[in-house]
Amino acid sequence: MNHDRQDVNHPDHKAPDKRETPAEKKERKDHASDNQDQALEETFPASDPVSPFVPAKAPE
């Protein structure tokens, strides 16, 4: 499958053979949520840690 389930205008998109049960819907949503959580965890740290600023000594 080269598209997501919300891409209703995709030529490969077909009507489901049967309605999704509440348990199947919960499982699908939990799986999507887990995937999103994992992807978010993989983005950390989003940048290099902030280095502490040490000001230079004032000129005499």
PDB file of N, CA and C in Angstrom:
ATOM      1  N   MET A   1       0.849  -1.166   0.000  1.00  0.00           N
ATOM      2  CA  MET A   1       0.000   0.000   0.000  1.00  0.00           C
ATOM      3  C   MET A   1       0.895   1.229   0.000  1.00  0.00           C
ATOM      4  N   ASN A   2       0.650   2.149  -0.897  1.00  0.00           N
ATOM      5  CA  ASN A   2       1.476   3.344  -1.021  1.00  0.00           C
ATOM      6  C   ASN A   2       0.753   4.603  -0.558  1.00  0.00           C
ATOM      7  N   HIS A   3      -0.280   4.450   0.216  1.00  0.00           N
ATOM      8  CA  HIS A   3      -1.017   5.605   0.699  1.00  0.00           C
ATOM      9  C   HIS A   3      -1.594   5.293   2.072  1.00  0.00           C
ATOM     10  N   ASP A   4      -2.028   6.336   2.770  1.00  0.00           N
ATOM     11  CA  ASP A   4      -2.616   6.066   4.075  1.00  0.00           C
ATOM     12  C   ASP A   4      -4.131   5.908   3.949  1.00  0.00           C
ATOM     13  N   ARG A   5      -4.750   5.480   5.033  1.00  0.00           N
ATOM     14  CA  ARG A   5      -6.167   5.159   4.982  1.00  0.00           C
ATOM     15  C   ARG A   5      -7.043   6.385   4.770  1.00  0.00           C
ATOM     16  N   GLN A   6      -6.503   7.585   4.958  1.00  0.00           N
ATOM     17  CA  GLN A   6      -7.294   8.801   4.780  1.00  0.00           C
ATOM     18  C   GLN A   6      -7.181   9.359   3.367  1.00  0.00           C
ATOM     19  N   ASP A   7      -6.377   8.737   2.529  1.00  0.00           N
ATOM     20  CA  ASP A   7      -6.215   9.186   1.149  1.00  0.00           C
ATOM     21  C   ASP A   7      -7.338   8.582   0.297  1.00  0.00           C
ATOM     22  N   VAL A   8      -8.535   9.131   0.461  1.00  0.00           N
ATOM     23  CA  VAL A   8      -9.713   8.522  -0.167  1.00  0.00           C
ATOM     24  C   VAL A   8      -9.754   8.697  -1.677  1.00  0.00           C
ATOM     25  N   ASN A   9      -8.990   9.623  -2.217  1.00  0.00           N
ATOM     26  CA  ASN A   9      -9.000   9.836  -3.666  1.00  0.00           C
ATOM     27  C   ASN A   9      -7.944   9.015  -4.396  1.00  0.00           C
ATOM     28  N   HIS A  10      -7.188   8.215  -3.667  1.00  0.00           N
ATOM     29  CA  HIS A  10      -6.162   7.386  -4.294  1.00  0.00           C
ATOM     30  C   HIS A  10      -6.834   6.281  -5.103  1.00  0.00           C
ATOM     31  N   PRO A  11      -6.328   5.970  -6.304  1.00  0.00           N
ATOM     32  CA  PRO A  11      -6.977   4.948  -7.140  1.00  0.00           C
ATOM     33  C   PRO A  11      -7.012   3.555  -6.517  1.00  0.00           C
ATOM     34  N   ASP A  12      -6.091   3.248  -5.611  1.00  0.00           N
ATOM     35  CA  ASP A  12      -6.088   1.937  -4.960  1.00  0.00           C
ATOM     36  C   ASP A  12      -7.075   1.846  -3.803  1.00  0.00           C
ATOM     37  N   HIS A  13      -7.649   2.980  -3.420  1.00  0.00           N
ATOM     38  CA  HIS A  13      -8.543   2.993  -2.259  1.00  0.00           C
ATOM     39  C   HIS A  13      -9.865   2.314  -2.611  1.00  0.00           C
ATOM     40  N   LYS A  14     -10.218   1.337  -1.810  1.00  0.00           N
ATOM     41  CA  LYS A  14     -11.468   0.611  -2.037  1.00  0.00           C
ATOM     42  C   LYS A  14     -12.302   0.694  -0.771  1.00  0.00           C
ATOM     43  N   ALA A  15     -13.571   0.514  -0.917  1.00  0.00           N
ATOM     44  CA  ALA A  15     -14.441   0.476   0.252  1.00  0.00           C
ATOM     45  C   ALA A  15     -14.117  -0.788   1.044  1.00  0.00           C
ATOM     46  N   PRO A  16     -14.134  -0.711   2.363  1.00  0.00           N
ATOM     47  CA  PRO A  16     -13.834  -1.905   3.166  1.00  0.00           C
ATOM     48  C   PRO A  16     -14.879  -2.998   2.934  1.00  0.00           C
ATOM     49  N   ASP A  17     -14.417  -4.247   3.072  1.00  0.00           N
ATOM     50  CA  ASP A  17     -15.323  -5.384   2.889  1.00  0.00           C
ATOM     51  C   ASP A  17     -16.360  -5.466   3.996  1.00  0.00           C
ATOM     52  N   LYS A  18     -15.951  -5.049   5.201  1.00  0.00           N
ATOM     53  CA  LYS A  18     -16.879  -5.083   6.330  1.00  0.00           C
ATOM     54  C   LYS A  18     -16.582  -3.906   7.238  1.00  0.00           C
ATOM     55  N   ARG A  19     -17.550  -3.558   8.061  1.00  0.00           N
ATOM     56  CA  ARG A  19     -17.347  -2.461   9.005  1.00  0.00           C
ATOM     57  C   ARG A  19     -16.346  -2.867  10.076  1.00  0.00           C
ATOM     58  N   GLU A  20     -15.590  -1.901  10.519  1.00  0.00           N
ATOM     59  CA  GLU A  20     -14.605  -2.108  11.561  1.00  0.00           C
ATOM     60  C   GLU A  20     -15.316  -2.207  12.916  1.00  0.00           C
ATOM     61  N   THR A  21     -14.958  -3.228  13.682  1.00  0.00           N
ATOM     62  CA  THR A  21     -15.559  -3.381  15.008  1.00  0.00           C
ATOM     63  C   THR A  21     -14.911  -2.370  15.954  1.00  0.00           C
ATOM     64  N   PRO A  22     -15.574  -2.056  17.062  1.00  0.00           N
ATOM     65  CA  PRO A  22     -14.958  -1.139  18.033  1.00  0.00           C
ATOM     66  C   PRO A  22     -13.596  -1.637  18.529  1.00  0.00           C
ATOM     67  N   ALA A  23     -13.445  -2.943  18.713  1.00  0.00           N
ATOM     68  CA  ALA A  23     -12.165  -3.495  19.161  1.00  0.00           C
ATOM     69  C   ALA A  23     -11.093  -3.302  18.085  1.00  0.00           C
ATOM     70  N   GLU A  24     -11.432  -3.518  16.816  1.00  0.00           N
ATOM     71  CA  GLU A  24     -10.478  -3.320  15.729  1.00  0.00           C
ATOM     72  C   GLU A  24     -10.085  -1.852  15.606  1.00  0.00           C
ATOM     73  N   LYS A  25     -11.079  -0.965  15.786  1.00  0.00           N
ATOM     74  CA  LYS A  25     -10.804   0.470  15.714  1.00  0.00           C
ATOM     75  C   LYS A  25      -9.848   0.880  16.830  1.00  0.00           C
ATOM     76  N   LYS A  26     -10.099   0.374  18.055  1.00  0.00           N
ATOM     77  CA  LYS A  26      -9.223   0.701  19.185  1.00  0.00           C
ATOM     78  C   LYS A  26      -7.817   0.177  18.936  1.00  0.00           C
ATOM     79  N   GLU A  27      -7.708  -1.043  18.429  1.00  0.00           N
ATOM     80  CA  GLU A  27      -6.397  -1.631  18.148  1.00  0.00           C
ATOM     81  C   GLU A  27      -5.654  -0.817  17.087  1.00  0.00           C
ATOM     82  N   ARG A  28      -6.369  -0.394  16.043  1.00  0.00           N
ATOM     83  CA  ARG A  28      -5.754   0.402  14.972  1.00  0.00           C
ATOM     84  C   ARG A  28      -5.277   1.744  15.514  1.00  0.00           C
ATOM     85  N   LYS A  29      -6.123   2.397  16.314  1.00  0.00           N
ATOM     86  CA  LYS A  29      -5.747   3.697  16.861  1.00  0.00           C
ATOM     87  C   LYS A  29      -4.592   3.573  17.856  1.00  0.00           C
ATOM     88  N   ASP A  30      -4.593   2.518  18.671  1.00  0.00           N
ATOM     89  CA  ASP A  30      -3.491   2.298  19.607  1.00  0.00           C
ATOM     90  C   ASP A  30      -2.181   2.069  18.856  1.00  0.00           C
ATOM     91  N   HIS A  31      -2.245   1.301  17.776  1.00  0.00           N
ATOM     92  CA  HIS A  31      -1.063   1.028  16.963  1.00  0.00           C
ATOM     93  C   HIS A  31      -0.534   2.330  16.352  1.00  0.00           C
ATOM     94  N   ALA A  32      -1.435   3.153  15.825  1.00  0.00           N
ATOM     95  CA  ALA A  32      -1.021   4.431  15.238  1.00  0.00           C
ATOM     96  C   ALA A  32      -0.413   5.336  16.306  1.00  0.00           C
ATOM     97  N   SER A  33      -1.004   5.338  17.488  1.00  0.00           N
ATOM     98  CA  SER A  33      -0.488   6.151  18.583  1.00  0.00           C
ATOM     99  C   SER A  33       0.902   5.673  19.013  1.00  0.00           C
ATOM    100  N   ASP A  34       1.075   4.349  19.101  1.00  0.00           N
ATOM    101  CA  ASP A  34       2.384   3.790  19.453  1.00  0.00           C
ATOM    102  C   ASP A  34       3.436   4.163  18.410  1.00  0.00           C
ATOM    103  N   ASN A  35       3.062   4.094  17.129  1.00  0.00           N
ATOM    104  CA  ASN A  35       3.993   4.474  16.061  1.00  0.00           C
ATOM    105  C   ASN A  35       4.379   5.946  16.179  1.00  0.00           C
ATOM    106  N   GLN A  36       3.401   6.789  16.482  1.00  0.00           N
ATOM    107  CA  GLN A  36       3.672   8.215  16.618  1.00  0.00           C
ATOM    108  C   GLN A  36       4.577   8.482  17.820  1.00  0.00           C
ATOM    109  N   ASP A  37       4.312   7.803  18.937  1.00  0.00           N
ATOM    110  CA  ASP A  37       5.158   7.958  20.124  1.00  0.00           C
ATOM    111  C   ASP A  37       6.598   7.532  19.835  1.00  0.00           C
ATOM    112  N   GLN A  38       6.758   6.422  19.138  1.00  0.00           N
ATOM    113  CA  GLN A  38       8.092   5.930  18.805  1.00  0.00           C
ATOM    114  C   GLN A  38       8.816   6.922  17.888  1.00  0.00           C
ATOM    115  N   ALA A  39       8.110   7.444  16.906  1.00  0.00           N
ATOM    116  CA  ALA A  39       8.724   8.408  15.993  1.00  0.00           C
ATOM    117  C   ALA A  39       9.133   9.667  16.743  1.00  0.00           C
ATOM    118  N   LEU A  40       8.310  10.098  17.688  1.00  0.00           N
ATOM    119  CA  LEU A  40       8.639  11.280  18.473  1.00  0.00           C
ATOM    120  C   LEU A  40       9.866  11.039  19.339  1.00  0.00           C
ATOM    121  N   GLU A  41       9.948   9.865  19.963  1.00  0.00           N
ATOM    122  CA  GLU A  41      11.106   9.529  20.788  1.00  0.00           C
ATOM    123  C   GLU A  41      12.391   9.510  19.964  1.00  0.00           C
ATOM    124  N   GLU A  42      12.297   9.074  18.719  1.00  0.00           N
ATOM    125  CA  GLU A  42      13.479   8.985  17.871  1.00  0.00           C
ATOM    126  C   GLU A  42      13.986  10.353  17.422  1.00  0.00           C
ATOM    127  N   THR A  43      13.180  11.397  17.608  1.00  0.00           N
ATOM    128  CA  THR A  43      13.620  12.736  17.203  1.00  0.00           C
ATOM    129  C   THR A  43      14.379  13.446  18.310  1.00  0.00           C
ATOM    130  N   PHE A  44      14.419  12.869  19.516  1.00  0.00           N
ATOM    131  CA  PHE A  44      15.115  13.527  20.626  1.00  0.00           C
ATOM    132  C   PHE A  44      16.547  13.046  20.710  1.00  0.00           C
ATOM    133  N   PRO A  45      17.530  13.830  21.032  1.00  0.00           N
ATOM    134  CA  PRO A  45      17.368  15.272  21.187  1.00  0.00           C
ATOM    135  C   PRO A  45      17.194  15.921  19.824  1.00  0.00           C
ATOM    136  N   ALA A  46      16.335  16.903  19.776  1.00  0.00           N
ATOM    137  CA  ALA A  46      16.032  17.560  18.506  1.00  0.00           C
ATOM    138  C   ALA A  46      17.210  18.391  18.020  1.00  0.00           C
ATOM    139  N   SER A  47      18.055  18.800  18.922  1.00  0.00           N
ATOM    140  CA  SER A  47      19.245  19.551  18.538  1.00  0.00           C
ATOM    141  C   SER A  47      20.336  19.231  19.553  1.00  0.00           C
ATOM    142  N   ASP A  48      21.489  19.746  19.289  1.00  0.00           N
ATOM    143  CA  ASP A  48      22.584  19.557  20.245  1.00  0.00           C
ATOM    144  C   ASP A  48      22.224  20.246  21.557  1.00  0.00           C
ATOM    145  N   PRO A  49      22.717  19.719  22.659  1.00  0.00           N
ATOM    146  CA  PRO A  49      22.420  20.372  23.932  1.00  0.00           C
ATOM    147  C   PRO A  49      22.985  21.790  23.969  1.00  0.00           C
ATOM    148  N   VAL A  50      22.328  22.639  24.718  1.00  0.00           N
ATOM    149  CA  VAL A  50      22.771  24.017  24.833  1.00  0.00           C
ATOM    150  C   VAL A  50      24.071  24.033  25.628  1.00  0.00           C
ATOM    151  N   SER A  51      25.064  24.693  25.082  1.00  0.00           N
ATOM    152  CA  SER A  51      26.333  24.775  25.817  1.00  0.00           C
ATOM    153  C   SER A  51      26.254  25.960  26.776  1.00  0.00           C
ATOM    154  N   PRO A  52      26.841  25.797  27.959  1.00  0.00           N
ATOM    155  CA  PRO A  52      26.781  26.892  28.930  1.00  0.00           C
ATOM    156  C   PRO A  52      27.561  28.103  28.431  1.00  0.00           C
ATOM    157  N   PHE A  53      27.024  29.269  28.649  1.00  0.00           N
ATOM    158  CA  PHE A  53      27.678  30.501  28.204  1.00  0.00           C
ATOM    159  C   PHE A  53      28.622  30.970  29.310  1.00  0.00           C
ATOM    160  N   VAL A  54      29.873  31.113  28.953  1.00  0.00           N
ATOM    161  CA  VAL A  54      30.863  31.633  29.900  1.00  0.00           C
ATOM    162  C   VAL A  54      31.356  32.954  29.331  1.00  0.00           C
ATOM    163  N   PRO A  55      30.960  34.053  29.968  1.00  0.00           N
ATOM    164  CA  PRO A  55      31.365  35.361  29.415  1.00  0.00           C
ATOM    165  C   PRO A  55      32.875  35.565  29.536  1.00  0.00           C
ATOM    166  N   ALA A  56      33.404  36.287  28.601  1.00  0.00           N
ATOM    167  CA  ALA A  56      34.828  36.616  28.643  1.00  0.00           C
ATOM    168  C   ALA A  56      35.083  37.635  29.744  1.00  0.00           C
ATOM    169  N   LYS A  57      36.303  37.668  30.228  1.00  0.00           N
ATOM    170  CA  LYS A  57      36.643  38.645  31.244  1.00  0.00           C
ATOM    171  C   LYS A  57      36.605  40.044  30.639  1.00  0.00           C
ATOM    172  N   ALA A  58      36.167  40.973  31.431  1.00  0.00           N
ATOM    173  CA  ALA A  58      36.106  42.364  30.957  1.00  0.00           C
ATOM    174  C   ALA A  58      37.519  42.882  30.760  1.00  0.00           C
ATOM    175  N   PRO A  59      37.740  43.641  29.682  1.00  0.00           N
ATOM    176  CA  PRO A  59      39.074  44.193  29.486  1.00  0.00           C
ATOM    177  C   PRO A  59      39.427  45.201  30.591  1.00  0.00           C
ATOM    178  N   GLU A  60      40.682  45.257  30.947  1.00  0.00           N
ATOM    179  CA  GLU A  60      41.105  46.181  32.017  1.00  0.00           C
ATOM    180  C   GLU A  60      41.419  47.541  31.490  1.00  0.00           C
TER     181      GLU A  60
END
